[in-house]
PDB file of all heavy atoms in Angstrom:
ATOM      1  N   PHE A   1      -1.716  -6.238  -2.620  1.00  0.00           N
ATOM      2  CA  PHE A   1      -2.964  -5.460  -2.562  1.00  0.00           C
ATOM      3  C   PHE A   1      -3.601  -5.790  -1.176  1.00  0.00           C
ATOM      4  O   PHE A   1      -4.069  -4.887  -0.480  1.00  0.00           O
ATOM      5  CB  PHE A   1      -3.888  -5.886  -3.701  1.00  0.00           C
ATOM      6  CG  PHE A   1      -5.187  -5.186  -3.854  1.00  0.00           C
ATOM      7  CD1 PHE A   1      -5.407  -3.988  -3.122  1.00  0.00           C
ATOM      8  CD2 PHE A   1      -6.155  -5.585  -4.747  1.00  0.00           C
ATOM      9  CE1 PHE A   1      -6.598  -3.306  -3.249  1.00  0.00           C
ATOM     10  CE2 PHE A   1      -7.333  -4.927  -4.818  1.00  0.00           C
ATOM     11  CZ  PHE A   1      -7.629  -3.801  -4.136  1.00  0.00           C
ATOM     12  N   MET A   2      -3.695  -7.052  -0.804  1.00  0.00           N
ATOM     13  CA  MET A   2      -4.314  -7.462   0.429  1.00  0.00           C
ATOM     14  C   MET A   2      -3.532  -6.762   1.636  1.00  0.00           C
ATOM     15  O   MET A   2      -4.094  -6.344   2.591  1.00  0.00           O
ATOM     16  CB  MET A   2      -4.328  -8.935   0.556  1.00  0.00           C
ATOM     17  CG  MET A   2      -4.873  -9.518   1.865  1.00  0.00           C
ATOM     18  SD  MET A   2      -4.949 -11.352   1.841  1.00  0.00           S
ATOM     19  CE  MET A   2      -3.256 -11.664   1.961  1.00  0.00           C
ATOM     20  N   ILE A   3      -2.162  -6.844   1.505  1.00  0.00           N
ATOM     21  CA  ILE A   3      -1.372  -6.287   2.602  1.00  0.00           C
ATOM     22  C   ILE A   3      -1.542  -4.745   2.692  1.00  0.00           C
ATOM     23  O   ILE A   3      -1.555  -4.159   3.791  1.00  0.00           O
ATOM     24  CB  ILE A   3       0.088  -6.611   2.400  1.00  0.00           C
ATOM     25  CG1 ILE A   3       0.293  -8.175   2.442  1.00  0.00           C
ATOM     26  CG2 ILE A   3       1.005  -6.038   3.449  1.00  0.00           C
ATOM     27  CD1 ILE A   3      -0.137  -8.910   3.738  1.00  0.00           C
ATOM     28  N   GLN A   4      -1.608  -4.032   1.535  1.00  0.00           N
ATOM     29  CA  GLN A   4      -1.895  -2.618   1.662  1.00  0.00           C
ATOM     30  C   GLN A   4      -3.138  -2.314   2.364  1.00  0.00           C
ATOM     31  O   GLN A   4      -3.296  -1.421   3.102  1.00  0.00           O
ATOM     32  CB  GLN A   4      -1.990  -2.022   0.241  1.00  0.00           C
ATOM     33  CG  GLN A   4      -0.679  -1.922  -0.484  1.00  0.00           C
ATOM     34  CD  GLN A   4      -0.818  -0.995  -1.706  1.00  0.00           C
ATOM     35  OE1 GLN A   4      -1.501  -0.026  -1.771  1.00  0.00           O
ATOM     36  NE2 GLN A   4      -0.115  -1.400  -2.774  1.00  0.00           N
ATOM     37  N   ALA A   5      -4.224  -3.195   2.201  1.00  0.00           N
ATOM     38  CA  ALA A   5      -5.458  -3.074   2.875  1.00  0.00           C
ATOM     39  C   ALA A   5      -5.316  -3.282   4.382  1.00  0.00           C
ATOM     40  O   ALA A   5      -5.658  -2.462   5.203  1.00  0.00           O
ATOM     41  CB  ALA A   5      -6.528  -3.992   2.297  1.00  0.00           C
ATOM     42  N   MET A   6      -4.751  -4.512   4.684  1.00  0.00           N
ATOM     43  CA  MET A   6      -4.655  -4.915   6.079  1.00  0.00           C
ATOM     44  C   MET A   6      -3.608  -4.003   6.882  1.00  0.00           C
ATOM     45  O   MET A   6      -3.801  -3.842   8.070  1.00  0.00           O
ATOM     46  CB  MET A   6      -4.206  -6.362   6.150  1.00  0.00           C
ATOM     47  CG  MET A   6      -5.176  -7.303   5.598  1.00  0.00           C
ATOM     48  SD  MET A   6      -4.603  -9.088   5.790  1.00  0.00           S
ATOM     49  CE  MET A   6      -4.619  -9.318   7.466  1.00  0.00           C
ATOM     50  N   GLY A   7      -2.616  -3.540   6.173  1.00  0.00           N
ATOM     51  CA  GLY A   7      -1.572  -2.786   6.872  1.00  0.00           C
ATOM     52  C   GLY A   7      -1.802  -1.269   6.939  1.00  0.00           C
ATOM     53  O   GLY A   7      -0.909  -0.530   7.392  1.00  0.00           O
ATOM     54  N   GLY A   8      -3.000  -0.846   6.575  1.00  0.00           N
ATOM     55  CA  GLY A   8      -3.397   0.552   6.779  1.00  0.00           C
ATOM     56  C   GLY A   8      -3.028   1.515   5.561  1.00  0.00           C
ATOM     57  O   GLY A   8      -3.588   2.655   5.675  1.00  0.00           O
ATOM     58  N   LEU A   9      -2.308   1.148   4.581  1.00  0.00           N
ATOM     59  CA  LEU A   9      -1.925   2.131   3.613  1.00  0.00           C
ATOM     60  C   LEU A   9      -3.170   2.593   2.822  1.00  0.00           C
ATOM     61  O   LEU A   9      -3.268   3.699   2.514  1.00  0.00           O
ATOM     62  CB  LEU A   9      -0.937   1.478   2.703  1.00  0.00           C
ATOM     63  CG  LEU A   9      -0.426   2.372   1.537  1.00  0.00           C
ATOM     64  CD1 LEU A   9       0.273   3.596   2.087  1.00  0.00           C
ATOM     65  CD2 LEU A   9       0.570   1.546   0.640  1.00  0.00           C
ATOM     66  N   MET A  10      -4.079   1.637   2.529  1.00  0.00           N
ATOM     67  CA  MET A  10      -5.313   2.024   1.733  1.00  0.00           C
ATOM     68  C   MET A  10      -6.163   2.983   2.535  1.00  0.00           C
ATOM     69  O   MET A  10      -6.870   3.826   1.965  1.00  0.00           O
ATOM     70  CB  MET A  10      -6.049   0.847   1.325  1.00  0.00           C
ATOM     71  CG  MET A  10      -5.424   0.013   0.244  1.00  0.00           C
ATOM     72  SD  MET A  10      -6.459  -1.415  -0.279  1.00  0.00           S
ATOM     73  CE  MET A  10      -7.931  -0.566  -0.904  1.00  0.00           C
ATOM     74  N   SER A  11      -6.139   2.924   3.867  1.00  0.00           N
ATOM     75  CA  SER A  11      -6.954   3.809   4.645  1.00  0.00           C
ATOM     76  C   SER A  11      -6.443   5.302   4.606  1.00  0.00           C
ATOM     77  O   SER A  11      -7.182   6.229   4.839  1.00  0.00           O
ATOM     78  CB  SER A  11      -6.980   3.373   6.133  1.00  0.00           C
ATOM     79  OG  SER A  11      -5.780   3.787   6.769  1.00  0.00           O
ATOM     80  N   LEU A  12      -5.198   5.443   4.082  1.00  0.00           N
ATOM     81  CA  LEU A  12      -4.583   6.768   4.000  1.00  0.00           C
ATOM     82  C   LEU A  12      -4.592   7.246   2.615  1.00  0.00           C
ATOM     83  O   LEU A  12      -4.177   8.430   2.352  1.00  0.00           O
ATOM     84  CB  LEU A  12      -3.152   6.696   4.464  1.00  0.00           C
ATOM     85  CG  LEU A  12      -2.893   6.057   5.867  1.00  0.00           C
ATOM     86  CD1 LEU A  12      -1.416   5.876   6.066  1.00  0.00           C
ATOM     87  CD2 LEU A  12      -3.476   7.034   6.885  1.00  0.00           C
ATOM     88  N   THR A  13      -5.034   6.456   1.635  1.00  0.00           N
ATOM     89  CA  THR A  13      -4.883   6.793   0.240  1.00  0.00           C
ATOM     90  C   THR A  13      -6.217   6.919  -0.445  1.00  0.00           C
ATOM     91  O   THR A  13      -7.091   6.055  -0.330  1.00  0.00           O
ATOM     92  CB  THR A  13      -4.076   5.696  -0.531  1.00  0.00           C
ATOM     93  OG1 THR A  13      -2.852   5.413   0.181  1.00  0.00           O
ATOM     94  CG2 THR A  13      -3.723   6.121  -1.961  1.00  0.00           C
ATOM     95  N   GLY A  14      -6.390   8.054  -1.162  1.00  0.00           N
ATOM     96  CA  GLY A  14      -7.620   8.330  -1.847  1.00  0.00           C
ATOM     97  C   GLY A  14      -8.307   9.633  -1.326  1.00  0.00           C
ATOM     98  O   GLY A  14      -7.816  10.258  -0.366  1.00  0.00           O
ATOM     99  N   GLU A  15      -9.398   9.998  -2.018  1.00  0.00           N
ATOM    100  CA  GLU A  15     -10.137  11.228  -1.647  1.00  0.00           C
ATOM    101  C   GLU A  15     -10.813  11.029  -0.276  1.00  0.00           C
ATOM    102  O   GLU A  15     -11.331   9.926  -0.003  1.00  0.00           O
ATOM    103  CB  GLU A  15     -11.079  11.675  -2.726  1.00  0.00           C
ATOM    104  CG  GLU A  15     -10.397  12.098  -4.030  1.00  0.00           C
ATOM    105  CD  GLU A  15      -9.479  13.266  -3.813  1.00  0.00           C
ATOM    106  OE1 GLU A  15      -9.811  14.157  -2.951  1.00  0.00           O
ATOM    107  OE2 GLU A  15      -8.445  13.407  -4.536  1.00  0.00           O
ATOM    108  N   PRO A  16     -10.995  12.062   0.502  1.00  0.00           N
ATOM    109  CA  PRO A  16     -11.604  12.005   1.817  1.00  0.00           C
ATOM    110  C   PRO A  16     -12.960  11.225   1.869  1.00  0.00           C
ATOM    111  O   PRO A  16     -13.247  10.498   2.682  1.00  0.00           O
ATOM    112  CB  PRO A  16     -11.693  13.402   2.312  1.00  0.00           C
ATOM    113  CG  PRO A  16     -10.570  14.137   1.563  1.00  0.00           C
ATOM    114  CD  PRO A  16     -10.549  13.481   0.213  1.00  0.00           C
ATOM    115  N   ASN A  17     -13.790  11.506   0.824  1.00  0.00           N
ATOM    116  CA  ASN A  17     -15.070  10.973   0.737  1.00  0.00           C
ATOM    117  C   ASN A  17     -15.261   9.788  -0.220  1.00  0.00           C
ATOM    118  O   ASN A  17     -16.364   9.389  -0.510  1.00  0.00           O
ATOM    119  CB  ASN A  17     -16.093  12.069   0.462  1.00  0.00           C
ATOM    120  CG  ASN A  17     -16.158  13.180   1.450  1.00  0.00           C
ATOM    121  OD1 ASN A  17     -16.173  12.867   2.662  1.00  0.00           O
ATOM    122  ND2 ASN A  17     -16.221  14.348   1.062  1.00  0.00           N
ATOM    123  N   GLY A  18     -14.080   9.378  -0.763  1.00  0.00           N
ATOM    124  CA  GLY A  18     -14.132   8.243  -1.724  1.00  0.00           C
ATOM    125  C   GLY A  18     -13.713   6.963  -1.063  1.00  0.00           C
ATOM    126  O   GLY A  18     -13.541   6.795   0.114  1.00  0.00           O
ATOM    127  N   MET A  19     -13.667   5.932  -1.933  1.00  0.00           N
ATOM    128  CA  MET A  19     -13.238   4.603  -1.562  1.00  0.00           C
ATOM    129  C   MET A  19     -11.707   4.632  -1.218  1.00  0.00           C
ATOM    130  O   MET A  19     -10.928   5.297  -1.879  1.00  0.00           O
ATOM    131  CB  MET A  19     -13.481   3.599  -2.660  1.00  0.00           C
ATOM    132  CG  MET A  19     -13.093   2.193  -2.263  1.00  0.00           C
ATOM    133  SD  MET A  19     -13.295   1.024  -3.753  1.00  0.00           S
ATOM    134  CE  MET A  19     -15.128   0.957  -3.732  1.00  0.00           C
ATOM    135  N   PRO A  20     -11.287   3.897  -0.136  1.00  0.00           N
ATOM    136  CA  PRO A  20      -9.892   3.701   0.118  1.00  0.00           C
ATOM    137  C   PRO A  20      -9.227   3.145  -1.146  1.00  0.00           C
ATOM    138  O   PRO A  20      -9.773   2.242  -1.767  1.00  0.00           O
ATOM    139  CB  PRO A  20      -9.807   2.772   1.215  1.00  0.00           C
ATOM    140  CG  PRO A  20     -11.135   2.936   1.975  1.00  0.00           C
ATOM    141  CD  PRO A  20     -12.108   3.262   0.884  1.00  0.00           C
ATOM    142  N   MET A  21      -8.055   3.581  -1.457  1.00  0.00           N
ATOM    143  CA  MET A  21      -7.351   3.179  -2.708  1.00  0.00           C
ATOM    144  C   MET A  21      -5.959   2.560  -2.439  1.00  0.00           C
ATOM    145  O   MET A  21      -5.267   2.948  -1.482  1.00  0.00           O
ATOM    146  CB  MET A  21      -7.178   4.374  -3.632  1.00  0.00           C
ATOM    147  CG  MET A  21      -8.411   5.090  -4.048  1.00  0.00           C
ATOM    148  SD  MET A  21      -9.436   4.046  -5.104  1.00  0.00           S
ATOM    149  CE  MET A  21      -8.455   3.960  -6.582  1.00  0.00           C
ATOM    150  N   LYS A  22      -5.598   1.573  -3.261  1.00  0.00           N
ATOM    151  CA  LYS A  22      -4.259   1.047  -3.280  1.00  0.00           C
ATOM    152  C   LYS A  22      -3.361   2.031  -4.111  1.00  0.00           C
ATOM    153  O   LYS A  22      -3.868   2.930  -4.776  1.00  0.00           O
ATOM    154  CB  LYS A  22      -4.185  -0.298  -3.901  1.00  0.00           C
ATOM    155  CG  LYS A  22      -4.470  -0.373  -5.419  1.00  0.00           C
ATOM    156  CD  LYS A  22      -4.369  -1.797  -5.883  1.00  0.00           C
ATOM    157  CE  LYS A  22      -4.619  -1.886  -7.327  1.00  0.00           C
ATOM    158  NZ  LYS A  22      -3.645  -1.130  -8.227  1.00  0.00           N
ATOM    159  N   THR A  23      -2.097   1.888  -3.915  1.00  0.00           N
ATOM    160  CA  THR A  23      -1.128   2.637  -4.814  1.00  0.00           C
ATOM    161  C   THR A  23      -1.117   2.057  -6.252  1.00  0.00           C
ATOM    162  O   THR A  23      -1.558   0.881  -6.467  1.00  0.00           O
ATOM    163  CB  THR A  23       0.234   2.678  -4.219  1.00  0.00           C
ATOM    164  OG1 THR A  23       0.816   1.345  -4.177  1.00  0.00           O
ATOM    165  CG2 THR A  23       0.277   3.210  -2.852  1.00  0.00           C
ATOM    166  N   GLY A  24      -0.580   2.880  -7.175  1.00  0.00           N
ATOM    167  CA  GLY A  24      -0.543   2.359  -8.512  1.00  0.00           C
ATOM    168  C   GLY A  24       0.543   1.384  -8.866  1.00  0.00           C
ATOM    169  O   GLY A  24       0.682   0.848  -9.941  1.00  0.00           O
ATOM    170  N   VAL A  25       1.423   1.170  -7.891  1.00  0.00           N
ATOM    171  CA  VAL A  25       2.517   0.175  -8.023  1.00  0.00           C
ATOM    172  C   VAL A  25       2.488  -0.666  -6.737  1.00  0.00           C
ATOM    173  O   VAL A  25       2.001  -0.225  -5.681  1.00  0.00           O
ATOM    174  CB  VAL A  25       3.926   0.917  -8.012  1.00  0.00           C
ATOM    175  CG1 VAL A  25       5.055  -0.007  -7.953  1.00  0.00           C
ATOM    176  CG2 VAL A  25       4.015   1.795  -9.337  1.00  0.00           C
ATOM    177  N   ALA A  26       2.870  -1.906  -6.907  1.00  0.00           N
ATOM    178  CA  ALA A  26       2.890  -2.833  -5.750  1.00  0.00           C
ATOM    179  C   ALA A  26       3.959  -2.472  -4.769  1.00  0.00           C
ATOM    180  O   ALA A  26       5.092  -3.196  -4.669  1.00  0.00           O
ATOM    181  CB  ALA A  26       3.002  -4.253  -6.247  1.00  0.00           C
ATOM    182  N   ILE A  27       3.788  -1.326  -4.123  1.00  0.00           N
ATOM    183  CA  ILE A  27       4.877  -0.665  -3.397  1.00  0.00           C
ATOM    184  C   ILE A  27       5.356  -1.492  -2.174  1.00  0.00           C
ATOM    185  O   ILE A  27       6.449  -1.454  -1.754  1.00  0.00           O
ATOM    186  CB  ILE A  27       4.538   0.734  -3.002  1.00  0.00           C
ATOM    187  CG1 ILE A  27       5.689   1.523  -2.506  1.00  0.00           C
ATOM    188  CG2 ILE A  27       3.325   0.725  -1.916  1.00  0.00           C
ATOM    189  CD1 ILE A  27       6.681   1.803  -3.649  1.00  0.00           C
ATOM    190  N   THR A  28       4.373  -2.274  -1.563  1.00  0.00           N
ATOM    191  CA  THR A  28       4.704  -3.123  -0.430  1.00  0.00           C
ATOM    192  C   THR A  28       5.709  -4.214  -0.835  1.00  0.00           C
ATOM    193  O   THR A  28       6.715  -4.585  -0.108  1.00  0.00           O
ATOM    194  CB  THR A  28       3.487  -3.672   0.212  1.00  0.00           C
ATOM    195  OG1 THR A  28       2.581  -2.640   0.545  1.00  0.00           O
ATOM    196  CG2 THR A  28       3.843  -4.373   1.564  1.00  0.00           C
ATOM    197  N   ASP A  29       5.439  -4.860  -1.991  1.00  0.00           N
ATOM    198  CA  ASP A  29       6.351  -5.876  -2.516  1.00  0.00           C
ATOM    199  C   ASP A  29       7.772  -5.229  -2.768  1.00  0.00           C
ATOM    200  O   ASP A  29       8.714  -5.828  -2.429  1.00  0.00           O
ATOM    201  CB  ASP A  29       5.849  -6.387  -3.842  1.00  0.00           C
ATOM    202  CG  ASP A  29       4.908  -7.519  -3.604  1.00  0.00           C
ATOM    203  OD1 ASP A  29       4.850  -8.206  -2.522  1.00  0.00           O
ATOM    204  OD2 ASP A  29       4.139  -7.912  -4.560  1.00  0.00           O
ATOM    205  N   VAL A  30       7.758  -4.058  -3.388  1.00  0.00           N
ATOM    206  CA  VAL A  30       9.032  -3.463  -3.759  1.00  0.00           C
ATOM    207  C   VAL A  30       9.813  -3.089  -2.428  1.00  0.00           C
ATOM    208  O   VAL A  30      10.970  -3.355  -2.280  1.00  0.00           O
ATOM    209  CB  VAL A  30       8.838  -2.185  -4.561  1.00  0.00           C
ATOM    210  CG1 VAL A  30      10.075  -1.361  -4.749  1.00  0.00           C
ATOM    211  CG2 VAL A  30       8.312  -2.538  -5.978  1.00  0.00           C
ATOM    212  N   MET A  31       9.147  -2.492  -1.405  1.00  0.00           N
ATOM    213  CA  MET A  31       9.792  -2.164  -0.223  1.00  0.00           C
ATOM    214  C   MET A  31      10.231  -3.368   0.537  1.00  0.00           C
ATOM    215  O   MET A  31      11.305  -3.377   1.201  1.00  0.00           O
ATOM    216  CB  MET A  31       8.796  -1.352   0.654  1.00  0.00           C
ATOM    217  CG  MET A  31       8.531   0.060   0.182  1.00  0.00           C
ATOM    218  SD  MET A  31      10.004   1.080   0.003  1.00  0.00           S
ATOM    219  CE  MET A  31      10.578   1.115   1.728  1.00  0.00           C
ATOM    220  N   THR A  32       9.482  -4.523   0.425  1.00  0.00           N
ATOM    221  CA  THR A  32       9.840  -5.738   1.045  1.00  0.00           C
ATOM    222  C   THR A  32      11.135  -6.265   0.522  1.00  0.00           C
ATOM    223  O   THR A  32      12.130  -6.753   1.123  1.00  0.00           O
ATOM    224  CB  THR A  32       8.758  -6.736   1.000  1.00  0.00           C
ATOM    225  OG1 THR A  32       7.591  -6.258   1.667  1.00  0.00           O
ATOM    226  CG2 THR A  32       9.153  -8.076   1.668  1.00  0.00           C
ATOM    227  N   GLY A  33      11.266  -6.144  -0.793  1.00  0.00           N
ATOM    228  CA  GLY A  33      12.436  -6.627  -1.557  1.00  0.00           C
ATOM    229  C   GLY A  33      13.629  -5.785  -1.137  1.00  0.00           C
ATOM    230  O   GLY A  33      14.782  -6.230  -0.952  1.00  0.00           O
ATOM    231  N   LEU A  34      13.434  -4.476  -0.917  1.00  0.00           N
ATOM    232  CA  LEU A  34      14.554  -3.599  -0.450  1.00  0.00           C
ATOM    233  C   LEU A  34      14.936  -3.908   0.989  1.00  0.00           C
ATOM    234  O   LEU A  34      16.128  -3.959   1.358  1.00  0.00           O
ATOM    235  CB  LEU A  34      14.141  -2.120  -0.553  1.00  0.00           C
ATOM    236  CG  LEU A  34      13.956  -1.655  -2.079  1.00  0.00           C
ATOM    237  CD1 LEU A  34      13.446  -0.216  -2.040  1.00  0.00           C
ATOM    238  CD2 LEU A  34      15.215  -1.777  -2.838  1.00  0.00           C
ATOM    239  N   TYR A  35      13.978  -4.114   1.890  1.00  0.00           N
ATOM    240  CA  TYR A  35      14.303  -4.475   3.183  1.00  0.00           C
ATOM    241  C   TYR A  35      15.040  -5.815   3.259  1.00  0.00           C
ATOM    242  O   TYR A  35      16.020  -6.012   4.084  1.00  0.00           O
ATOM    243  CB  TYR A  35      13.063  -4.618   4.086  1.00  0.00           C
ATOM    244  CG  TYR A  35      12.690  -3.202   4.767  1.00  0.00           C
ATOM    245  CD1 TYR A  35      11.765  -2.399   4.342  1.00  0.00           C
ATOM    246  CD2 TYR A  35      13.320  -2.910   6.003  1.00  0.00           C
ATOM    247  CE1 TYR A  35      11.397  -1.271   4.969  1.00  0.00           C
ATOM    248  CE2 TYR A  35      13.045  -1.749   6.678  1.00  0.00           C
ATOM    249  CZ  TYR A  35      12.075  -0.924   6.136  1.00  0.00           C
ATOM    250  OH  TYR A  35      11.782   0.297   6.785  1.00  0.00           O
ATOM    251  N   ALA A  36      14.585  -6.764   2.383  1.00  0.00           N
ATOM    252  CA  ALA A  36      15.318  -8.039   2.355  1.00  0.00           C
ATOM    253  C   ALA A  36      16.762  -7.899   1.946  1.00  0.00           C
ATOM    254  O   ALA A  36      17.664  -8.520   2.473  1.00  0.00           O
ATOM    255  CB  ALA A  36      14.535  -9.025   1.395  1.00  0.00           C
ATOM    256  N   THR A  37      16.915  -7.009   1.038  1.00  0.00           N
ATOM    257  CA  THR A  37      18.338  -6.754   0.505  1.00  0.00           C
ATOM    258  C   THR A  37      19.152  -6.126   1.660  1.00  0.00           C
ATOM    259  O   THR A  37      20.338  -6.470   1.801  1.00  0.00           O
ATOM    260  CB  THR A  37      18.277  -5.772  -0.703  1.00  0.00           C
ATOM    261  OG1 THR A  37      17.468  -6.295  -1.691  1.00  0.00           O
ATOM    262  CG2 THR A  37      19.663  -5.553  -1.246  1.00  0.00           C
ATOM    263  N   VAL A  38      18.645  -5.140   2.347  1.00  0.00           N
ATOM    264  CA  VAL A  38      19.306  -4.598   3.472  1.00  0.00           C
ATOM    265  C   VAL A  38      19.650  -5.698   4.448  1.00  0.00           C
ATOM    266  O   VAL A  38      20.824  -5.772   5.035  1.00  0.00           O
ATOM    267  CB  VAL A  38      18.468  -3.529   4.200  1.00  0.00           C
ATOM    268  CG1 VAL A  38      19.125  -3.048   5.506  1.00  0.00           C
ATOM    269  CG2 VAL A  38      18.315  -2.331   3.204  1.00  0.00           C
TER     270      VAL A  38
END
């Protein structure tokens, strides 16, 4: 959650006039696991 905020993903997610939002899945963790596997 913190990394989504610091890494810019939350600034891109949500309605234009609403609060920045995280994704509904811990997608940064999942993608990190996939990069680690690669």
